[in-house]
Amino acid sequence: MNTTANTSATQTNGSAPNSNTAADELVLCPHCDLLQYLPPLAPGEEAHCLRCQHQLDARQHNPVMRPALYAASALLMLVLANLFPFVSMAIAGNRSEIHFFDTSAVLFTEYQQVLAILIWLFIQAVPAFCMLAIIYLKIGMRYQLPARIWVARVLYMLKPWSMVDIFLMGLLISFVKLVATAEISLGMSFWAFCLFCLLHLRTFQVLDRHALWASIAPSPQPATNFSAGKSGLDQQLKLCHCCTAVLPLQQRQCSRCHTKVNSRIPASLQKTLALLVTACVLYIPANVLPIMRTVSFGEVTDSTIISGFILMWQDGEYPVAIIIFLASVVIPIVKIVVMFWLCYLASTPRQVAGKYSGNVYRLVDWVGRWSMVDVLVVAFMAALVRFGLLASVYPGIAAVLFAAVVITTMLAAVSFDPRLLWDNQKSEAAKPYQYRTAEGIST
């Protein structure tokens, strides 16, 4: 069930409206900076911002045990994924077998240290830390364990960089490429890894961020005049992006998570534009230089991103070819163009509702990480296809460059402050926002 967060746009006397109860919590939307009341939620309910529809909170059933059990099960599957054979490949009587850890270890021995470290971080180290952190934090909700604030801060900072779901998609693409010329056998670790992916995703789905921070420390409520339904910046309030606490504008450090808090991301547009320009510069050689070198019966063939798409299309693998084209060509270009467009909107006062541009930002922010699938495909195939002059795959320099493009665009999305889109929406200033109470809807 969805529950809309309480807001009021007409209150000016400095106190909460009568229809709001003491249990309602004052919150600021991290995407549009609208000050509003968050009503008590029952398990299974969600609260969304009335202005931009960003999810403010989602209450989960049994918020302590479920995430901890899912995370523990995911860790067990990750251990099993590293203990047994992962995938084996047979071609012309020769067989190659790898373990899950070999995906990055083989690259390291082939003098691709940068790519090897990135792959290890994205599919092993970061996911494992996230699961361990959730277990530690959930145990800490019952027993006051130390350093929970630091662990929670790092957890949500690293969450977008856990790419096990993207790696699973890369495995399926690799199998489609190889199955026509070789015999592929899936080991026990492969199925353990599939379970790990599902449990990893489910763990974050049932993780209650609001309850997590509330267990660490109560949310500070500003002891100042405020009017729900108006911008927090207009009322000298700001949001802690780490723990979502509402703080006075003059307070430099969050009293709950101890992070430095700014009303807006400092130099947000400048940082975003610099990262986007860097991504544009890197994107050209990433598409011109070879991303993969294939040796087949002594003949060496270099493949770029575009040539790989063309080869898959000519072989009749249309779904895989489309996925590669979308992930490696369309998504990076569209994300860069859209981010430039959002920077322009954020820097120019316009009479256009910010809701649509905010939705576009959330979409490109979510989909951008999936461009890493081509790099993960190359890494896996380089680890598996090792038959010398008969058949071998080696990553090209473009694999590192394209990984840098994806990372740079992800950092650009993080550096962009979507609240700037609403700061320039002059037509939104006088618009009243309704709030929902037990007695009905008021304004």
Protein backbone atom coordinates (compact mmCIF):
# COMPACT_ATOMS: atom_id res chain seq x y z
CA MET A 1 0.00 0.00 0.00
CA ASN A 2 1.26 3.52 -0.77
CA THR A 3 0.81 6.30 1.75
CA THR A 4 1.35 9.90 0.71
CA ALA A 5 3.49 12.01 3.03
CA ASN A 6 1.71 14.81 4.87
CA THR A 7 2.51 18.32 3.64
CA SER A 8 1.12 21.78 4.18
CA ALA A 9 1.75 24.87 2.09
CA THR A 10 -0.41 27.40 3.89
CA GLN A 11 0.87 27.31 7.45
CA THR A 12 2.75 30.47 8.42
CA ASN A 13 2.46 30.70 12.21
CA GLY A 14 5.60 28.64 12.89
CA SER A 15 3.87 25.62 14.41
CA ALA A 16 2.61 22.37 12.98
CA PRO A 17 -0.96 22.34 11.69
CA ASN A 18 -3.56 20.97 14.06
CA SER A 19 -4.29 17.99 11.82
CA ASN A 20 -0.73 16.70 12.22
CA THR A 21 -0.03 14.57 15.25
CA ALA A 22 3.06 14.58 17.42
CA ALA A 23 4.09 11.31 15.82
CA ASP A 24 4.44 12.96 12.40
CA GLU A 25 8.09 13.53 11.53
CA LEU A 26 9.33 16.59 9.69
CA VAL A 27 11.30 15.59 6.59
CA LEU A 28 12.90 17.26 3.58
CA CYS A 29 12.70 15.65 0.16
CA PRO A 30 16.27 15.03 -1.08
CA HIS A 31 15.20 15.61 -4.70
CA CYS A 32 13.04 18.75 -4.52
CA ASP A 33 13.70 20.17 -1.01
CA LEU A 34 10.01 20.26 -0.09
CA LEU A 35 9.42 20.36 3.66
CA GLN A 36 6.65 17.96 4.67
CA TYR A 37 5.32 15.73 7.41
CA LEU A 38 6.03 12.03 7.33
CA PRO A 39 3.15 10.17 9.01
CA PRO A 40 3.67 6.96 10.98
CA LEU A 41 3.73 4.09 8.51
CA ALA A 42 2.54 0.53 8.99
CA PRO A 43 4.69 -2.36 7.73
CA GLY A 44 4.39 -2.60 3.95
CA GLU A 45 3.49 1.07 3.46
CA GLU A 46 5.49 3.67 1.54
CA ALA A 47 5.59 7.45 1.69
CA HIS A 48 6.26 9.56 -1.41
CA CYS A 49 6.91 13.25 -1.85
CA LEU A 50 3.80 15.07 -3.04
CA ARG A 51 5.74 17.33 -5.38
CA CYS A 52 8.26 15.07 -7.15
CA GLN A 53 7.01 11.59 -6.08
CA HIS A 54 10.42 10.58 -4.78
CA GLN A 55 10.14 7.82 -2.18
CA LEU A 56 10.72 9.30 1.27
CA ASP A 57 10.34 6.16 3.34
CA ALA A 58 9.20 2.54 3.14
CA ARG A 59 8.34 0.55 6.24
CA GLN A 60 9.31 -3.13 6.17
CA HIS A 61 8.00 -6.17 8.02
CA ASN A 62 10.43 -7.33 10.71
CA PRO A 63 13.11 -4.74 9.80
CA VAL A 64 15.77 -6.37 11.98
CA MET A 65 15.77 -10.10 11.27
CA ARG A 66 14.77 -10.21 7.59
CA PRO A 67 17.67 -8.10 6.20
CA ALA A 68 20.15 -9.84 8.50
CA LEU A 69 19.01 -13.31 7.45
CA TYR A 70 18.98 -12.41 3.76
CA ALA A 71 22.44 -10.89 4.05
CA ALA A 72 23.82 -13.91 5.91
CA SER A 73 22.35 -16.25 3.28
CA ALA A 74 23.85 -14.10 0.51
CA LEU A 75 27.28 -14.26 2.15
CA LEU A 76 27.04 -18.03 2.41
CA MET A 77 26.24 -18.25 -1.31
CA LEU A 78 29.18 -15.95 -2.10
CA VAL A 79 31.52 -18.23 -0.16
CA LEU A 80 30.18 -21.27 -2.02
CA ALA A 81 30.56 -19.40 -5.31
CA ASN A 82 34.29 -19.13 -4.62
CA LEU A 83 34.86 -22.71 -3.41
CA PHE A 84 33.81 -24.81 -6.38
CA PRO A 85 34.31 -24.69 -10.17
CA PHE A 86 32.36 -21.82 -11.70
CA VAL A 87 32.22 -22.46 -15.45
CA SER A 88 34.11 -24.80 -17.76
CA MET A 89 34.52 -24.65 -21.53
CA ALA A 90 35.53 -27.41 -23.96
CA ILE A 91 36.68 -26.82 -27.54
CA ALA A 92 38.41 -29.29 -29.91
CA GLY A 93 39.11 -31.71 -27.07
CA ASN A 94 40.63 -29.04 -24.82
CA ARG A 95 38.96 -27.94 -21.60
CA SER A 96 39.29 -24.74 -19.58
CA GLU A 97 37.82 -24.42 -16.09
CA ILE A 98 37.70 -21.35 -13.91
CA HIS A 99 36.62 -20.44 -10.41
CA PHE A 100 34.68 -17.28 -9.63
CA PHE A 101 37.77 -15.53 -8.27
CA ASP A 102 39.63 -16.23 -11.53
CA THR A 103 37.49 -13.58 -13.25
CA SER A 104 39.74 -10.94 -11.72
CA ALA A 105 42.81 -13.06 -10.87
CA VAL A 106 43.52 -14.01 -14.51
CA LEU A 107 43.36 -10.37 -15.55
CA PHE A 108 45.86 -9.49 -12.84
CA THR A 109 48.38 -12.04 -14.14
CA GLU A 110 47.91 -10.71 -17.69
CA TYR A 111 49.11 -7.23 -16.66
CA GLN A 112 45.59 -5.80 -16.56
CA GLN A 113 45.87 -4.82 -12.91
CA VAL A 114 43.58 -1.80 -13.09
CA LEU A 115 40.78 -3.74 -14.75
CA ALA A 116 41.31 -6.71 -12.42
CA ILE A 117 40.98 -4.54 -9.30
CA LEU A 118 37.83 -2.88 -10.64
CA ILE A 119 36.21 -6.23 -11.43
CA TRP A 120 37.14 -7.61 -8.01
CA LEU A 121 35.71 -4.57 -6.27
CA PHE A 122 32.45 -4.52 -8.25
CA ILE A 123 31.55 -8.22 -8.02
CA GLN A 124 33.22 -9.42 -4.83
CA ALA A 125 34.61 -6.88 -2.37
CA VAL A 126 31.84 -4.25 -2.42
CA PRO A 127 28.92 -6.76 -2.38
CA ALA A 128 30.57 -8.72 0.44
CA PHE A 129 31.15 -5.56 2.49
CA CYS A 130 27.53 -4.45 1.98
CA MET A 131 26.20 -7.76 3.26
CA LEU A 132 28.58 -7.77 6.23
CA ALA A 133 27.67 -4.16 7.01
CA ILE A 134 23.94 -4.94 7.02
CA ILE A 135 24.45 -7.88 9.37
CA TYR A 136 26.58 -5.73 11.68
CA LEU A 137 24.08 -2.87 11.68
CA LYS A 138 21.09 -5.11 12.26
CA ILE A 139 22.81 -6.87 15.14
CA GLY A 140 23.67 -3.41 16.41
CA MET A 141 19.94 -2.57 16.56
CA ARG A 142 19.70 -5.08 19.41
CA TYR A 143 23.20 -4.71 20.88
CA GLN A 144 24.87 -1.30 20.95
CA LEU A 145 27.90 -2.15 18.80
CA PRO A 146 30.55 0.53 18.14
CA ALA A 147 31.22 2.39 14.87
CA ARG A 148 27.70 1.84 13.51
CA ILE A 149 27.54 5.40 12.19
CA TRP A 150 30.69 4.88 10.12
CA VAL A 151 29.49 1.52 8.81
CA ALA A 152 26.09 2.94 7.79
CA ARG A 153 27.72 5.88 6.01
CA VAL A 154 30.02 3.63 3.99
CA LEU A 155 27.22 1.16 3.23
CA TYR A 156 25.04 3.68 1.42
CA MET A 157 28.04 5.23 -0.28
CA LEU A 158 29.10 1.88 -1.78
CA LYS A 159 25.66 0.50 -2.58
CA PRO A 160 25.56 1.76 -6.22
CA TRP A 161 28.96 0.18 -6.92
CA SER A 162 27.80 -3.35 -6.18
CA MET A 163 27.34 -4.80 -9.67
CA VAL A 164 26.61 -8.49 -9.20
CA ASP A 165 23.34 -8.17 -11.12
CA ILE A 166 25.17 -6.59 -14.07
CA PHE A 167 27.79 -9.35 -13.97
CA LEU A 168 25.05 -11.99 -14.11
CA MET A 169 23.69 -10.30 -17.24
CA GLY A 170 27.24 -10.31 -18.64
CA LEU A 171 27.51 -14.04 -18.01
CA LEU A 172 24.36 -14.73 -20.00
CA ILE A 173 25.63 -12.61 -22.89
CA SER A 174 28.97 -14.44 -22.81
CA PHE A 175 27.25 -17.84 -22.93
CA VAL A 176 25.30 -16.78 -26.02
CA LYS A 177 28.56 -15.75 -27.69
CA LEU A 178 30.39 -18.97 -26.83
CA VAL A 179 27.74 -21.68 -27.05
CA ALA A 180 27.87 -21.80 -30.87
CA THR A 181 31.57 -22.73 -30.94
CA ALA A 182 32.19 -24.49 -27.63
CA GLU A 183 30.61 -26.68 -25.00
CA ILE A 184 29.79 -24.76 -21.84
CA SER A 185 29.32 -26.51 -18.50
CA LEU A 186 28.02 -24.70 -15.44
CA GLY A 187 29.57 -25.64 -12.12
CA MET A 188 28.04 -25.60 -8.65
CA SER A 189 29.49 -22.18 -7.96
CA PHE A 190 27.58 -20.67 -10.86
CA TRP A 191 24.25 -21.62 -9.29
CA ALA A 192 25.48 -20.42 -5.90
CA PHE A 193 26.34 -17.09 -7.54
CA CYS A 194 22.85 -16.85 -9.06
CA LEU A 195 21.35 -17.36 -5.60
CA PHE A 196 23.78 -14.78 -4.22
CA CYS A 197 22.55 -12.22 -6.77
CA LEU A 198 18.91 -12.80 -5.85
CA LEU A 199 19.57 -12.69 -2.11
CA HIS A 200 21.78 -9.61 -2.49
CA LEU A 201 19.03 -7.70 -4.32
CA ARG A 202 16.38 -8.89 -1.88
CA THR A 203 18.46 -7.76 1.09
CA PHE A 204 18.43 -4.16 -0.10
CA GLN A 205 14.72 -4.38 -0.90
CA VAL A 206 13.82 -5.25 2.70
CA LEU A 207 16.34 -2.88 4.26
CA ASP A 208 14.56 -0.08 6.13
CA ARG A 209 16.91 2.90 5.96
CA HIS A 210 14.72 5.07 8.17
CA ALA A 211 14.51 2.45 10.91
CA LEU A 212 18.23 1.78 10.58
CA TRP A 213 19.24 5.37 11.32
CA ALA A 214 16.54 5.71 13.97
CA SER A 215 18.12 2.78 15.80
CA ILE A 216 21.51 4.51 15.74
CA ALA A 217 20.21 7.86 17.00
CA PRO A 218 16.87 9.70 16.96
CA SER A 219 16.32 12.13 14.11
CA PRO A 220 16.99 15.71 15.25
CA GLN A 221 14.01 18.01 14.69
CA PRO A 222 14.72 21.71 14.17
CA ALA A 223 13.51 23.98 16.97
CA THR A 224 12.73 26.85 14.61
CA ASN A 225 9.77 28.28 12.75
CA PHE A 226 8.82 26.29 9.69
CA SER A 227 5.97 25.84 7.24
CA ALA A 228 5.41 22.42 5.73
CA GLY A 229 4.76 22.58 2.01
CA LYS A 230 7.52 25.11 1.33
CA SER A 231 11.17 24.77 0.39
CA GLY A 232 13.52 23.94 3.21
CA LEU A 233 16.10 26.42 1.93
CA ASP A 234 13.55 29.24 2.11
CA GLN A 235 13.06 28.42 5.78
CA GLN A 236 16.74 28.13 6.70
CA LEU A 237 16.64 24.33 6.83
CA LYS A 238 18.80 21.78 5.07
CA LEU A 239 18.95 18.01 4.65
CA CYS A 240 21.68 15.60 5.67
CA HIS A 241 22.00 13.34 2.63
CA CYS A 242 23.65 10.64 4.70
CA CYS A 243 21.01 10.05 7.39
CA THR A 244 18.14 12.29 6.08
CA ALA A 245 18.07 14.45 9.25
CA VAL A 246 16.61 17.97 8.96
CA LEU A 247 19.06 20.56 10.28
CA PRO A 248 19.20 24.34 10.70
CA LEU A 249 21.01 26.05 7.83
CA GLN A 250 23.74 27.44 10.09
CA GLN A 251 24.64 24.00 11.52
CA ARG A 252 27.72 22.70 9.71
CA GLN A 253 27.80 19.09 10.96
CA CYS A 254 24.98 16.60 11.36
CA SER A 255 24.32 15.84 15.01
CA ARG A 256 23.32 12.26 14.19
CA CYS A 257 25.86 10.93 11.64
CA HIS A 258 28.55 13.62 12.10
CA THR A 259 28.95 14.30 8.39
CA LYS A 260 29.52 17.76 6.98
CA VAL A 261 26.21 19.08 5.66
CA ASN A 262 25.68 21.73 2.97
CA SER A 263 22.40 23.22 1.83
CA ARG A 264 23.34 22.24 -1.73
CA ILE A 265 26.19 20.15 -3.11
CA PRO A 266 29.09 22.62 -3.35
CA ALA A 267 29.93 23.56 -6.97
CA SER A 268 27.50 20.88 -8.14
CA LEU A 269 27.17 22.06 -11.74
CA GLN A 270 30.89 22.71 -12.13
CA LYS A 271 31.78 19.23 -10.87
CA THR A 272 29.12 17.59 -13.02
CA LEU A 273 30.18 19.43 -16.16
CA ALA A 274 33.86 18.63 -15.57
CA LEU A 275 33.07 14.93 -15.18
CA LEU A 276 30.84 14.94 -18.25
CA VAL A 277 33.55 16.55 -20.36
CA THR A 278 36.01 13.94 -19.08
CA ALA A 279 33.56 11.19 -20.05
CA CYS A 280 33.21 12.66 -23.55
CA VAL A 281 37.00 12.73 -23.98
CA LEU A 282 37.34 9.13 -22.80
CA TYR A 283 34.37 7.88 -24.82
CA ILE A 284 36.05 8.53 -28.20
CA PRO A 285 39.12 6.27 -27.70
CA ALA A 286 36.93 3.77 -25.82
CA ASN A 287 34.98 3.23 -29.04
CA VAL A 288 37.86 3.55 -31.50
CA LEU A 289 40.42 1.34 -29.77
CA PRO A 290 39.90 -2.44 -29.41
CA ILE A 291 38.00 -3.57 -26.34
CA MET A 292 38.79 -7.26 -26.94
CA ARG A 293 41.46 -9.20 -28.83
CA THR A 294 40.51 -12.68 -30.03
CA VAL A 295 42.97 -15.38 -31.11
CA SER A 296 41.43 -18.16 -33.22
CA PHE A 297 43.70 -20.80 -34.82
CA GLY A 298 46.60 -18.37 -34.68
CA GLU A 299 44.69 -15.49 -36.30
CA VAL A 300 44.42 -12.35 -34.20
CA THR A 301 41.28 -10.19 -34.44
CA ASP A 302 40.73 -6.91 -32.64
CA SER A 303 37.14 -5.97 -31.81
CA THR A 304 35.73 -2.60 -30.91
CA ILE A 305 32.39 -2.04 -29.20
CA ILE A 306 30.66 -1.32 -32.51
CA SER A 307 32.27 -4.23 -34.38
CA GLY A 308 31.19 -6.59 -31.59
CA PHE A 309 27.62 -5.42 -31.98
CA ILE A 310 27.78 -5.83 -35.77
CA LEU A 311 29.22 -9.36 -35.46
CA MET A 312 26.47 -10.45 -33.08
CA TRP A 313 23.84 -8.98 -35.39
CA GLN A 314 25.27 -10.76 -38.43
CA ASP A 315 25.30 -14.04 -36.50
CA GLY A 316 21.58 -13.65 -35.86
CA GLU A 317 21.90 -13.05 -32.11
CA TYR A 318 19.57 -10.07 -32.30
CA PRO A 319 18.48 -9.84 -28.62
CA VAL A 320 22.08 -9.95 -27.36
CA ALA A 321 23.22 -7.52 -30.05
CA ILE A 322 20.50 -5.08 -29.03
CA ILE A 323 21.45 -5.38 -25.34
CA ILE A 324 25.12 -4.68 -26.15
CA PHE A 325 24.20 -1.75 -28.38
CA LEU A 326 21.91 -0.24 -25.76
CA ALA A 327 24.28 -0.74 -22.83
CA SER A 328 27.52 0.24 -24.56
CA VAL A 329 26.43 2.87 -27.10
CA VAL A 330 22.96 4.27 -26.46
CA ILE A 331 22.94 4.52 -22.65
CA PRO A 332 26.33 6.29 -22.25
CA ILE A 333 25.54 8.81 -25.00
CA VAL A 334 22.00 9.45 -23.77
CA LYS A 335 23.18 9.80 -20.17
CA ILE A 336 25.86 12.32 -21.11
CA VAL A 337 23.46 14.35 -23.26
CA VAL A 338 20.69 14.26 -20.65
CA MET A 339 23.08 15.29 -17.85
CA PHE A 340 24.24 18.26 -19.96
CA TRP A 341 20.57 19.15 -20.49
CA LEU A 342 19.83 18.91 -16.77
CA CYS A 343 22.80 21.14 -15.97
CA TYR A 344 21.39 23.70 -18.41
CA LEU A 345 17.94 23.53 -16.80
CA ALA A 346 19.43 23.84 -13.33
CA SER A 347 21.38 26.96 -14.28
CA THR A 348 18.52 28.77 -16.06
CA PRO A 349 15.30 29.97 -14.40
CA ARG A 350 12.45 28.43 -16.35
CA GLN A 351 8.68 28.25 -16.06
CA VAL A 352 8.67 24.46 -16.46
CA ALA A 353 7.66 21.99 -13.76
CA GLY A 354 10.70 20.29 -12.25
CA LYS A 355 8.88 16.99 -11.75
CA TYR A 356 9.58 15.72 -15.25
CA SER A 357 13.26 16.67 -15.29
CA GLY A 358 13.59 15.12 -11.83
CA ASN A 359 12.11 11.86 -13.09
CA VAL A 360 14.54 11.91 -16.01
CA TYR A 361 17.43 12.40 -13.60
CA ARG A 362 16.39 9.44 -11.47
CA LEU A 363 16.09 7.27 -14.57
CA VAL A 364 19.54 8.08 -16.00
CA ASP A 365 21.07 7.77 -12.55
CA TRP A 366 19.67 4.24 -12.20
CA VAL A 367 20.33 2.97 -15.73
CA GLY A 368 23.85 4.39 -16.14
CA ARG A 369 25.60 1.62 -14.19
CA TRP A 370 24.31 -1.01 -16.63
CA SER A 371 26.77 0.23 -19.25
CA MET A 372 29.41 -1.74 -17.33
CA VAL A 373 28.01 -4.99 -18.74
CA ASP A 374 30.31 -4.98 -21.81
CA VAL A 375 33.41 -4.60 -19.62
CA LEU A 376 32.29 -7.49 -17.42
CA VAL A 377 31.66 -9.64 -20.52
CA VAL A 378 35.21 -9.02 -21.72
CA ALA A 379 36.63 -9.79 -18.28
CA PHE A 380 34.76 -13.09 -17.98
CA MET A 381 35.62 -14.25 -21.50
CA ALA A 382 39.28 -13.35 -20.98
CA ALA A 383 39.32 -15.56 -17.87
CA LEU A 384 37.49 -18.51 -19.48
CA VAL A 385 38.76 -18.65 -23.06
CA ARG A 386 42.41 -19.65 -22.52
CA PHE A 387 43.50 -22.15 -25.19
CA GLY A 388 46.65 -20.49 -26.51
CA LEU A 389 46.76 -20.15 -30.31
CA LEU A 390 43.70 -22.36 -30.67
CA ALA A 391 41.32 -19.89 -29.07
CA SER A 392 42.00 -17.13 -26.55
CA VAL A 393 40.49 -13.81 -25.54
CA TYR A 394 42.40 -10.84 -24.17
CA PRO A 395 40.99 -7.51 -22.96
CA GLY A 396 41.98 -4.44 -24.93
CA ILE A 397 42.87 -0.99 -23.67
CA ALA A 398 39.35 0.19 -24.50
CA ALA A 399 37.98 -2.02 -21.70
CA VAL A 400 39.73 0.15 -19.12
CA LEU A 401 38.77 3.35 -20.96
CA PHE A 402 35.11 2.36 -21.22
CA ALA A 403 35.05 1.38 -17.54
CA ALA A 404 36.40 4.87 -16.83
CA VAL A 405 33.58 6.36 -18.93
CA VAL A 406 30.94 4.49 -16.91
CA ILE A 407 32.54 5.39 -13.57
CA THR A 408 32.88 9.04 -14.60
CA THR A 409 29.24 9.32 -15.66
CA MET A 410 28.13 7.67 -12.41
CA LEU A 411 30.19 10.20 -10.45
CA ALA A 412 28.65 12.98 -12.55
CA ALA A 413 25.17 11.82 -11.54
CA VAL A 414 26.25 11.74 -7.88
CA SER A 415 27.71 15.26 -8.15
CA PHE A 416 24.55 16.69 -9.67
CA ASP A 417 22.12 18.16 -7.14
CA PRO A 418 18.53 17.62 -8.41
CA ARG A 419 17.23 20.25 -5.98
CA LEU A 420 18.74 22.87 -8.27
CA LEU A 421 16.06 21.96 -10.80
CA TRP A 422 13.40 23.05 -8.31
CA ASP A 423 15.27 26.11 -7.09
CA ASN A 424 14.77 27.60 -10.55
CA GLN A 425 11.12 26.62 -10.97
CA LYS A 426 9.55 30.00 -10.29
CA SER A 427 6.06 28.75 -11.13
CA GLU A 428 6.21 26.25 -8.28
CA ALA A 429 6.73 28.82 -5.53
CA ALA A 430 3.10 29.71 -5.00
CA LYS A 431 1.59 26.32 -5.73
CA PRO A 432 -0.27 24.88 -2.69
CA TYR A 433 0.40 21.28 -1.75
CA GLN A 434 -2.18 19.16 -0.01
CA TYR A 435 -1.54 16.97 2.97
CA ARG A 436 -3.35 13.78 3.92
CA THR A 437 -4.54 13.21 7.48
CA ALA A 438 -6.88 10.82 9.24
CA GLU A 439 -9.60 13.44 8.88
CA GLY A 440 -9.18 13.82 5.12
CA ILE A 441 -7.18 16.01 2.76
CA SER A 442 -6.41 19.62 3.67
CA THR A 443 -4.42 22.48 2.17
